[in-house]
Every structure is written in C-alpha cells, then in structure tokens.
C-alpha cells in the first residue's frame, strides 16, 4: 500500500508540472522539511486540523521523492522498524 502511494504521489506531481524541469534531491528534501516546519507551527497554534494536514503533506512529499527515486519505502520502513526493536533502551542513553 505504501509503495502505491509513492507511485501515485509521484505521478500526480508529474501531471501537475512539478517535474517539467529536473529537480535536485536537496530541493525535494527542503520541501519535506518545510512541511514539517508548517506542522510544527500548526501544533504551536493548537490547530489540530492543519497539523494533520501538514503531516499528510510531509508524507506526500516523502512518497513523491521515493517514487522519483524508485525506493521501496514499505520495505525500508518494515526493515527499520524491526531493527529499532533490537535497539537498547533510549538507544544507550540518548536524551532526546
């Protein structure tokens, strides 16, 4: 299901003209970051509807990038989640 969303997000972005010119990975990562920042601002304002919308935008931007790069995001997530289960408590003492 996740990989389908990646393909759909990428195809929609192409149809809407966002890939008429080549896009750099750094630019796409900055756009992901901007959506996270917008989510933070919505949360600070107590706007839960907008907060959820900005988190959705963040995911859509990530899906788009994975579609562009041909990344199997679903497999990457499942692998990383399994790895995280094996990590020590707070990853050995991290404070964040």
PDB file of N, CA and C in Angstrom:
ATOM      1  N   UNK A   1       0.818  -1.207   0.000  1.00  0.00           N
ATOM      2  CA  UNK A   1       0.000   0.000   0.000  1.00  0.00           C
ATOM      3  C   UNK A   1       0.861   1.272   0.000  1.00  0.00           C
ATOM      4  N   UNK A   2       1.923   1.264   0.793  1.00  0.00           N
ATOM      5  CA  UNK A   2       2.770   2.451   0.867  1.00  0.00           C
ATOM      6  C   UNK A   2       3.420   2.730  -0.490  1.00  0.00           C
ATOM      7  N   UNK A   3       3.905   1.681  -1.133  1.00  0.00           N
ATOM      8  CA  UNK A   3       4.548   1.881  -2.430  1.00  0.00           C
ATOM      9  C   UNK A   3       3.560   2.382  -3.477  1.00  0.00           C
ATOM     10  N   UNK A   4       2.310   1.993  -3.366  1.00  0.00           N
ATOM     11  CA  UNK A   4       1.278   2.512  -4.274  1.00  0.00           C
ATOM     12  C   UNK A   4       1.107   4.014  -4.064  1.00  0.00           C
ATOM     13  N   UNK A   5       1.132   4.438  -2.810  1.00  0.00           N
ATOM     14  CA  UNK A   5       1.027   5.864  -2.507  1.00  0.00           C
ATOM     15  C   UNK A   5       2.231   6.624  -3.059  1.00  0.00           C
ATOM     16  N   UNK A   6       3.406   6.015  -3.004  1.00  0.00           N
ATOM     17  CA  UNK A   6       4.602   6.646  -3.571  1.00  0.00           C
ATOM     18  C   UNK A   6       4.437   6.842  -5.068  1.00  0.00           C
ATOM     19  N   UNK A   7       3.984   5.806  -5.752  1.00  0.00           N
ATOM     20  CA  UNK A   7       3.774   5.904  -7.197  1.00  0.00           C
ATOM     21  C   UNK A   7       2.722   6.962  -7.524  1.00  0.00           C
ATOM     22  N   UNK A   8       1.640   6.968  -6.760  1.00  0.00           N
ATOM     23  CA  UNK A   8       0.561   7.927  -7.011  1.00  0.00           C
ATOM     24  C   UNK A   8       1.016   9.366  -6.768  1.00  0.00           C
ATOM     25  N   UNK A   9       1.742   9.597  -5.673  1.00  0.00           N
ATOM     26  CA  UNK A   9       2.223  10.948  -5.372  1.00  0.00           C
ATOM     27  C   UNK A   9       3.163  11.435  -6.466  1.00  0.00           C
ATOM     28  N   UNK A  10       4.052  10.570  -6.912  1.00  0.00           N
ATOM     29  CA  UNK A  10       4.997  10.932  -7.967  1.00  0.00           C
ATOM     30  C   UNK A  10       4.275  11.207  -9.284  1.00  0.00           C
ATOM     31  N   UNK A  11       3.340  10.354  -9.654  1.00  0.00           N
ATOM     32  CA  UNK A  11       2.588  10.542 -10.898  1.00  0.00           C
ATOM     33  C   UNK A  11       1.765  11.830 -10.857  1.00  0.00           C
ATOM     34  N   UNK A  12       1.150  12.119  -9.728  1.00  0.00           N
ATOM     35  CA  UNK A  12       0.380  13.358  -9.588  1.00  0.00           C
ATOM     36  C   UNK A  12       1.288  14.569  -9.734  1.00  0.00           C
ATOM     37  N   UNK A  13       2.450  14.527  -9.082  1.00  0.00           N
ATOM     38  CA  UNK A  13       3.398  15.648  -9.185  1.00  0.00           C
ATOM     39  C   UNK A  13       3.837  15.855 -10.632  1.00  0.00           C
ATOM     40  N   UNK A  14       4.087  14.756 -11.341  1.00  0.00           N
ATOM     41  CA  UNK A  14       4.469  14.876 -12.758  1.00  0.00           C
ATOM     42  C   UNK A  14       3.340  15.491 -13.574  1.00  0.00           C
ATOM     43  N   UNK A  15       2.119  15.016 -13.353  1.00  0.00           N
ATOM     44  CA  UNK A  15       0.968  15.533 -14.098  1.00  0.00           C
ATOM     45  C   UNK A  15       0.733  17.014 -13.837  1.00  0.00           C
ATOM     46  N   UNK A  16       1.076  17.466 -12.644  1.00  0.00           N
ATOM     47  CA  UNK A  16       0.849  18.865 -12.276  1.00  0.00           C
ATOM     48  C   UNK A  16       2.035  19.759 -12.622  1.00  0.00           C
ATOM     49  N   UNK A  17       3.027  19.202 -13.330  1.00  0.00           N
ATOM     50  CA  UNK A  17       4.116  20.012 -13.839  1.00  0.00           C
ATOM     51  C   UNK A  17       5.330  20.156 -12.950  1.00  0.00           C
ATOM     52  N   UNK A  18       5.365  19.476 -11.819  1.00  0.00           N
ATOM     53  CA  UNK A  18       6.477  19.650 -10.885  1.00  0.00           C
ATOM     54  C   UNK A  18       7.757  18.986 -11.356  1.00  0.00           C
ATOM     55  N   UNK A  19       7.682  18.209 -12.436  1.00  0.00           N
ATOM     56  CA  UNK A  19       8.885  17.584 -12.979  1.00  0.00           C
ATOM     57  C   UNK A  19       9.130  17.989 -14.426  1.00  0.00           C
ATOM     58  N   UNK A  20       8.571  19.112 -14.837  1.00  0.00           N
ATOM     59  CA  UNK A  20       8.857  19.612 -16.185  1.00  0.00           C
ATOM     60  C   UNK A  20      10.347  19.922 -16.324  1.00  0.00           C
ATOM     61  N   UNK A  21      10.959  20.329 -15.243  1.00  0.00           N
ATOM     62  CA  UNK A  21      12.405  20.562 -15.173  1.00  0.00           C
ATOM     63  C   UNK A  21      12.959  19.575 -14.148  1.00  0.00           C
ATOM     64  N   UNK A  22      14.201  19.132 -14.329  1.00  0.00           N
ATOM     65  CA  UNK A  22      14.799  18.227 -13.328  1.00  0.00           C
ATOM     66  C   UNK A  22      14.806  18.882 -11.944  1.00  0.00           C
ATOM     67  N   UNK A  23      14.597  18.071 -10.919  1.00  0.00           N
ATOM     68  CA  UNK A  23      14.591  18.585  -9.541  1.00  0.00           C
ATOM     69  C   UNK A  23      15.706  17.913  -8.759  1.00  0.00           C
ATOM     70  N   UNK A  24      16.431  18.694  -8.004  1.00  0.00           N
ATOM     71  CA  UNK A  24      17.524  18.177  -7.192  1.00  0.00           C
ATOM     72  C   UNK A  24      16.980  17.533  -5.921  1.00  0.00           C
ATOM     73  N   UNK A  25      17.658  16.510  -5.474  1.00  0.00           N
ATOM     74  CA  UNK A  25      17.263  15.828  -4.235  1.00  0.00           C
ATOM     75  C   UNK A  25      17.239  16.806  -3.068  1.00  0.00           C
ATOM     76  N   UNK A  26      18.227  17.688  -3.011  1.00  0.00           N
ATOM     77  CA  UNK A  26      18.280  18.657  -1.917  1.00  0.00           C
ATOM     78  C   UNK A  26      17.051  19.547  -1.873  1.00  0.00           C
ATOM     79  N   UNK A  27      16.575  19.950  -3.026  1.00  0.00           N
ATOM     80  CA  UNK A  27      15.366  20.774  -3.101  1.00  0.00           C
ATOM     81  C   UNK A  27      14.166  19.993  -2.583  1.00  0.00           C
ATOM     82  N   UNK A  28      14.064  18.733  -2.980  1.00  0.00           N
ATOM     83  CA  UNK A  28      12.937  17.915  -2.539  1.00  0.00           C
ATOM     84  C   UNK A  28      12.993  17.666  -1.033  1.00  0.00           C
ATOM     85  N   UNK A  29      14.186  17.472  -0.496  1.00  0.00           N
ATOM     86  CA  UNK A  29      14.324  17.302   0.958  1.00  0.00           C
ATOM     87  C   UNK A  29      13.972  18.592   1.689  1.00  0.00           C
ATOM     88  N   UNK A  30      14.343  19.729   1.127  1.00  0.00           N
ATOM     89  CA  UNK A  30      13.992  21.013   1.736  1.00  0.00           C
ATOM     90  C   UNK A  30      12.474  21.202   1.766  1.00  0.00           C
ATOM     91  N   UNK A  31      11.799  20.749   0.718  1.00  0.00           N
ATOM     92  CA  UNK A  31      10.334  20.844   0.692  1.00  0.00           C
ATOM     93  C   UNK A  31       9.705  19.946   1.767  1.00  0.00           C
ATOM     94  N   UNK A  32      10.294  18.782   1.984  1.00  0.00           N
ATOM     95  CA  UNK A  32       9.819  17.903   3.071  1.00  0.00           C
ATOM     96  C   UNK A  32       9.994  18.622   4.398  1.00  0.00           C
ATOM     97  N   UNK A  33      11.161  19.202   4.580  1.00  0.00           N
ATOM     98  CA  UNK A  33      11.439  19.937   5.817  1.00  0.00           C
ATOM     99  C   UNK A  33      10.464  21.089   6.015  1.00  0.00           C
ATOM    100  N   UNK A  34      10.114  21.781   4.938  1.00  0.00           N
ATOM    101  CA  UNK A  34       9.189  22.909   5.068  1.00  0.00           C
ATOM    102  C   UNK A  34       7.812  22.436   5.531  1.00  0.00           C
ATOM    103  N   UNK A  35       7.397  21.268   5.088  1.00  0.00           N
ATOM    104  CA  UNK A  35       6.098  20.732   5.537  1.00  0.00           C
ATOM    105  C   UNK A  35       6.150  20.378   7.021  1.00  0.00           C
ATOM    106  N   UNK A  36       7.271  19.833   7.479  1.00  0.00           N
ATOM    107  CA  UNK A  36       7.429  19.529   8.905  1.00  0.00           C
ATOM    108  C   UNK A  36       7.387  20.816   9.719  1.00  0.00           C
ATOM    109  N   UNK A  37       8.031  21.844   9.214  1.00  0.00           N
ATOM    110  CA  UNK A  37       8.018  23.147   9.901  1.00  0.00           C
ATOM    111  C   UNK A  37       6.603  23.720   9.963  1.00  0.00           C
ATOM    112  N   UNK A  38       5.852  23.562   8.890  1.00  0.00           N
ATOM    113  CA  UNK A  38       4.470  24.031   8.885  1.00  0.00           C
ATOM    114  C   UNK A  38       3.625  23.233   9.885  1.00  0.00           C
ATOM    115  N   UNK A  39       3.910  21.947  10.030  1.00  0.00           N
ATOM    116  CA  UNK A  39       3.204  21.138  11.030  1.00  0.00           C
ATOM    117  C   UNK A  39       3.530  21.629  12.437  1.00  0.00           C
ATOM    118  N   UNK A  40       4.783  21.942  12.670  1.00  0.00           N
ATOM    119  CA  UNK A  40       5.192  22.468  13.975  1.00  0.00           C
ATOM    120  C   UNK A  40       4.449  23.760  14.291  1.00  0.00           C
ATOM    121  N   UNK A  41       4.373  24.648  13.318  1.00  0.00           N
ATOM    122  CA  UNK A  41       3.680  25.919  13.521  1.00  0.00           C
ATOM    123  C   UNK A  41       2.196  25.700  13.813  1.00  0.00           C
ATOM    124  N   UNK A  42       1.571  24.788  13.087  1.00  0.00           N
ATOM    125  CA  UNK A  42       0.157  24.487  13.331  1.00  0.00           C
ATOM    126  C   UNK A  42      -0.044  23.928  14.732  1.00  0.00           C
ATOM    127  N   UNK A  43       0.864  23.061  15.170  1.00  0.00           N
ATOM    128  CA  UNK A  43       0.763  22.494  16.519  1.00  0.00           C
ATOM    129  C   UNK A  43       0.939  23.578  17.574  1.00  0.00           C
ATOM    130  N   UNK A  44       1.882  24.464  17.354  1.00  0.00           N
ATOM    131  CA  UNK A  44       2.106  25.562  18.306  1.00  0.00           C
ATOM    132  C   UNK A  44       0.869  26.447  18.431  1.00  0.00           C
ATOM    133  N   UNK A  45       0.127  26.576  17.346  1.00  0.00           N
ATOM    134  CA  UNK A  45      -1.098  27.380  17.360  1.00  0.00           C
ATOM    135  C   UNK A  45      -2.301  26.584  17.851  1.00  0.00           C
ATOM    136  N   UNK A  46      -2.110  25.302  18.129  1.00  0.00           N
ATOM    137  CA  UNK A  46      -3.207  24.460  18.596  1.00  0.00           C
ATOM    138  C   UNK A  46      -4.191  24.078  17.503  1.00  0.00           C
ATOM    139  N   UNK A  47      -3.776  24.188  16.254  1.00  0.00           N
ATOM    140  CA  UNK A  47      -4.663  23.897  15.127  1.00  0.00           C
ATOM    141  C   UNK A  47      -4.446  22.448  14.688  1.00  0.00           C
ATOM    142  N   UNK A  48      -5.201  21.539  15.290  1.00  0.00           N
ATOM    143  CA  UNK A  48      -5.020  20.113  15.033  1.00  0.00           C
ATOM    144  C   UNK A  48      -5.397  19.708  13.612  1.00  0.00           C
ATOM    145  N   UNK A  49      -6.377  20.371  13.033  1.00  0.00           N
ATOM    146  CA  UNK A  49      -6.768  20.050  11.656  1.00  0.00           C
ATOM    147  C   UNK A  49      -5.621  20.380  10.711  1.00  0.00           C
ATOM    148  N   UNK A  50      -5.068  21.575  10.842  1.00  0.00           N
ATOM    149  CA  UNK A  50      -3.949  21.963   9.991  1.00  0.00           C
ATOM    150  C   UNK A  50      -2.705  21.138  10.299  1.00  0.00           C
ATOM    151  N   UNK A  51      -2.506  20.788  11.561  1.00  0.00           N
ATOM    152  CA  UNK A  51      -1.378  19.941  11.951  1.00  0.00           C
ATOM    153  C   UNK A  51      -1.430  18.618  11.197  1.00  0.00           C
ATOM    154  N   UNK A  52      -2.588  17.974  11.203  1.00  0.00           N
ATOM    155  CA  UNK A  52      -2.756  16.705  10.492  1.00  0.00           C
ATOM    156  C   UNK A  52      -2.543  16.884   8.990  1.00  0.00           C
ATOM    157  N   UNK A  53      -3.050  17.988   8.453  1.00  0.00           N
ATOM    158  CA  UNK A  53      -2.890  18.266   7.026  1.00  0.00           C
ATOM    159  C   UNK A  53      -1.418  18.430   6.658  1.00  0.00           C
ATOM    160  N   UNK A  54      -0.670  19.128   7.479  1.00  0.00           N
ATOM    161  CA  UNK A  54       0.755  19.331   7.203  1.00  0.00           C
ATOM    162  C   UNK A  54       1.540  18.032   7.343  1.00  0.00           C
ATOM    163  N   UNK A  55       1.151  17.181   8.291  1.00  0.00           N
ATOM    164  CA  UNK A  55       1.795  15.864   8.383  1.00  0.00           C
ATOM    165  C   UNK A  55       1.497  15.047   7.131  1.00  0.00           C
ATOM    166  N   UNK A  56       0.261  15.151   6.641  1.00  0.00           N
ATOM    167  CA  UNK A  56      -0.086  14.467   5.389  1.00  0.00           C
ATOM    168  C   UNK A  56       0.755  15.015   4.244  1.00  0.00           C
ATOM    169  N   UNK A  57       0.914  16.327   4.173  1.00  0.00           N
ATOM    170  CA  UNK A  57       1.748  16.931   3.135  1.00  0.00           C
ATOM    171  C   UNK A  57       3.190  16.417   3.226  1.00  0.00           C
ATOM    172  N   UNK A  58       3.690  16.271   4.456  1.00  0.00           N
ATOM    173  CA  UNK A  58       5.033  15.736   4.664  1.00  0.00           C
ATOM    174  C   UNK A  58       5.155  14.341   4.062  1.00  0.00           C
ATOM    175  N   UNK A  59       4.181  13.497   4.370  1.00  0.00           N
ATOM    176  CA  UNK A  59       4.191  12.133   3.827  1.00  0.00           C
ATOM    177  C   UNK A  59       4.101  12.145   2.310  1.00  0.00           C
ATOM    178  N   UNK A  60       3.247  12.977   1.778  1.00  0.00           N
ATOM    179  CA  UNK A  60       3.092  13.055   0.318  1.00  0.00           C
ATOM    180  C   UNK A  60       4.405  13.467  -0.334  1.00  0.00           C
ATOM    181  N   UNK A  61       5.103  14.427   0.244  1.00  0.00           N
ATOM    182  CA  UNK A  61       6.397  14.852  -0.303  1.00  0.00           C
ATOM    183  C   UNK A  61       7.415  13.698  -0.229  1.00  0.00           C
ATOM    184  N   UNK A  62       7.408  12.964   0.875  1.00  0.00           N
ATOM    185  CA  UNK A  62       8.304  11.803   1.009  1.00  0.00           C
ATOM    186  C   UNK A  62       7.929  10.740  -0.019  1.00  0.00           C
ATOM    187  N   UNK A  63       6.641  10.477  -0.168  1.00  0.00           N
ATOM    188  CA  UNK A  63       6.191   9.494  -1.154  1.00  0.00           C
ATOM    189  C   UNK A  63       6.631   9.905  -2.559  1.00  0.00           C
ATOM    190  N   UNK A  64       6.478  11.183  -2.877  1.00  0.00           N
ATOM    191  CA  UNK A  64       6.871  11.695  -4.184  1.00  0.00           C
ATOM    192  C   UNK A  64       8.357  11.435  -4.432  1.00  0.00           C
ATOM    193  N   UNK A  65       9.187  11.761  -3.455  1.00  0.00           N
ATOM    194  CA  UNK A  65      10.627  11.555  -3.592  1.00  0.00           C
ATOM    195  C   UNK A  65      10.957  10.073  -3.780  1.00  0.00           C
ATOM    196  N   UNK A  66      10.294   9.224  -3.034  1.00  0.00           N
ATOM    197  CA  UNK A  66      10.526   7.785  -3.169  1.00  0.00           C
ATOM    198  C   UNK A  66      10.058   7.283  -4.529  1.00  0.00           C
ATOM    199  N   UNK A  67       8.963   7.826  -5.032  1.00  0.00           N
ATOM    200  CA  UNK A  67       8.505   7.473  -6.370  1.00  0.00           C
ATOM    201  C   UNK A  67       9.518   7.872  -7.420  1.00  0.00           C
ATOM    202  N   UNK A  68      10.058   9.072  -7.282  1.00  0.00           N
ATOM    203  CA  UNK A  68      11.079   9.553  -8.208  1.00  0.00           C
ATOM    204  C   UNK A  68      12.311   8.649  -8.198  1.00  0.00           C
ATOM    205  N   UNK A  69      12.751   8.285  -7.001  1.00  0.00           N
ATOM    206  CA  UNK A  69      13.991   7.533  -6.838  1.00  0.00           C
ATOM    207  C   UNK A  69      13.798   6.017  -6.955  1.00  0.00           C
ATOM    208  N   UNK A  70      12.538   5.566  -7.074  1.00  0.00           N
ATOM    209  CA  UNK A  70      12.282   4.132  -7.161  1.00  0.00           C
ATOM    210  C   UNK A  70      12.580   3.401  -5.864  1.00  0.00           C
ATOM    211  N   UNK A  71      12.371   4.068  -4.747  1.00  0.00           N
ATOM    212  CA  UNK A  71      12.661   3.491  -3.428  1.00  0.00           C
ATOM    213  C   UNK A  71      11.484   2.650  -2.962  1.00  0.00           C
ATOM    214  N   UNK A  72      11.768   1.457  -2.492  1.00  0.00           N
ATOM    215  CA  UNK A  72      10.756   0.588  -1.885  1.00  0.00           C
ATOM    216  C   UNK A  72      10.605   1.038  -0.434  1.00  0.00           C
ATOM    217  N   UNK A  73       9.801   2.062  -0.231  1.00  0.00           N
ATOM    218  CA  UNK A  73       9.656   2.672   1.093  1.00  0.00           C
ATOM    219  C   UNK A  73       9.036   1.708   2.087  1.00  0.00           C
ATOM    220  N   UNK A  74       8.073   0.928   1.632  1.00  0.00           N
ATOM    221  CA  UNK A  74       7.423  -0.025   2.528  1.00  0.00           C
ATOM    222  C   UNK A  74       8.449  -0.993   3.116  1.00  0.00           C
ATOM    223  N   UNK A  75       9.308  -1.552   2.293  1.00  0.00           N
ATOM    224  CA  UNK A  75      10.338  -2.478   2.776  1.00  0.00           C
ATOM    225  C   UNK A  75      11.315  -1.758   3.704  1.00  0.00           C
ATOM    226  N   UNK A  76      11.682  -0.530   3.343  1.00  0.00           N
ATOM    227  CA  UNK A  76      12.612   0.227   4.175  1.00  0.00           C
ATOM    228  C   UNK A  76      12.021   0.502   5.554  1.00  0.00           C
ATOM    229  N   UNK A  77      10.747   0.844   5.603  1.00  0.00           N
ATOM    230  CA  UNK A  77      10.086   1.105   6.883  1.00  0.00           C
ATOM    231  C   UNK A  77      10.032  -0.162   7.720  1.00  0.00           C
ATOM    232  N   UNK A  78       9.600  -1.250   7.114  1.00  0.00           N
ATOM    233  CA  UNK A  78       9.492  -2.516   7.861  1.00  0.00           C
ATOM    234  C   UNK A  78      10.854  -2.976   8.372  1.00  0.00           C
ATOM    235  N   UNK A  79      11.887  -2.840   7.557  1.00  0.00           N
ATOM    236  CA  UNK A  79      13.236  -3.214   7.977  1.00  0.00           C
ATOM    237  C   UNK A  79      13.699  -2.344   9.137  1.00  0.00           C
ATOM    238  N   UNK A  80      13.477  -1.048   9.032  1.00  0.00           N
ATOM    239  CA  UNK A  80      13.915  -0.126  10.082  1.00  0.00           C
ATOM    240  C   UNK A  80      13.138  -0.334  11.375  1.00  0.00           C
ATOM    241  N   UNK A  81      11.843  -0.593  11.262  1.00  0.00           N
ATOM    242  CA  UNK A  81      11.044  -0.839  12.477  1.00  0.00           C
ATOM    243  C   UNK A  81      11.522  -2.100  13.188  1.00  0.00           C
ATOM    244  N   UNK A  82      11.858  -3.127  12.417  1.00  0.00           N
ATOM    245  CA  UNK A  82      12.366  -4.361  13.014  1.00  0.00           C
ATOM    246  C   UNK A  82      13.704  -4.104  13.692  1.00  0.00           C
ATOM    247  N   UNK A  83      14.566  -3.348  13.038  1.00  0.00           N
ATOM    248  CA  UNK A  83      15.857  -3.001  13.628  1.00  0.00           C
ATOM    249  C   UNK A  83      15.674  -2.216  14.927  1.00  0.00           C
ATOM    250  N   UNK A  84      14.744  -1.261  14.924  1.00  0.00           N
ATOM    251  CA  UNK A  84      14.516  -0.439  16.118  1.00  0.00           C
ATOM    252  C   UNK A  84      14.099  -1.275  17.315  1.00  0.00           C
ATOM    253  N   UNK A  85      13.413  -2.389  17.082  1.00  0.00           N
ATOM    254  CA  UNK A  85      13.016  -3.280  18.179  1.00  0.00           C
ATOM    255  C   UNK A  85      14.232  -3.876  18.885  1.00  0.00           C
ATOM    256  N   UNK A  86      15.334  -4.003  18.166  1.00  0.00           N
ATOM    257  CA  UNK A  86      16.538  -4.619  18.739  1.00  0.00           C
ATOM    258  C   UNK A  86      17.437  -3.620  19.455  1.00  0.00           C
ATOM    259  N   UNK A  87      17.130  -2.355  19.365  1.00  0.00           N
ATOM    260  CA  UNK A  87      17.990  -1.333  19.957  1.00  0.00           C
ATOM    261  C   UNK A  87      17.815  -1.286  21.470  1.00  0.00           C
ATOM    262  N   UNK A  88      18.834  -0.797  22.146  1.00  0.00           N
ATOM    263  CA  UNK A  88      18.774  -0.689  23.595  1.00  0.00           C
ATOM    264  C   UNK A  88      17.826   0.435  24.013  1.00  0.00           C
ATOM    265  N   UNK A  89      17.458   0.424  25.266  1.00  0.00           N
ATOM    266  CA  UNK A  89      16.581   1.444  25.825  1.00  0.00           C
ATOM    267  C   UNK A  89      17.186   2.816  25.560  1.00  0.00           C
ATOM    268  N   UNK A  90      16.388   3.695  24.974  1.00  0.00           N
ATOM    269  CA  UNK A  90      16.819   5.045  24.586  1.00  0.00           C
ATOM    270  C   UNK A  90      18.132   5.011  23.819  1.00  0.00           C
ATOM    271  N   UNK A  91      18.322   3.961  23.057  1.00  0.00           N
ATOM    272  CA  UNK A  91      19.494   3.786  22.204  1.00  0.00           C
ATOM    273  C   UNK A  91      20.788   3.971  22.975  1.00  0.00           C
ATOM    274  N   UNK A  92      20.808   3.456  24.203  1.00  0.00           N
ATOM    275  CA  UNK A  92      22.023   3.517  25.005  1.00  0.00           C
ATOM    276  C   UNK A  92      22.206   4.814  25.761  1.00  0.00           C
ATOM    277  N   UNK A  93      21.142   5.556  25.989  1.00  0.00           N
ATOM    278  CA  UNK A  93      21.232   6.730  26.838  1.00  0.00           C
ATOM    279  C   UNK A  93      21.008   8.063  26.158  1.00  0.00           C
ATOM    280  N   UNK A  94      20.537   8.075  24.912  1.00  0.00           N
ATOM    281  CA  UNK A  94      20.245   9.348  24.262  1.00  0.00           C
ATOM    282  C   UNK A  94      19.182  10.096  25.050  1.00  0.00           C
ATOM    283  N   UNK A  95      19.300  11.404  25.081  1.00  0.00           N
ATOM    284  CA  UNK A  95      18.381  12.198  25.900  1.00  0.00           C
ATOM    285  C   UNK A  95      17.197  12.747  25.119  1.00  0.00           C
ATOM    286  N   UNK A  96      17.129  12.564  23.817  1.00  0.00           N
ATOM    287  CA  UNK A  96      16.015  13.107  23.031  1.00  0.00           C
ATOM    288  C   UNK A  96      15.136  12.013  22.519  1.00  0.00           C
TER     289      UNK A  96
END
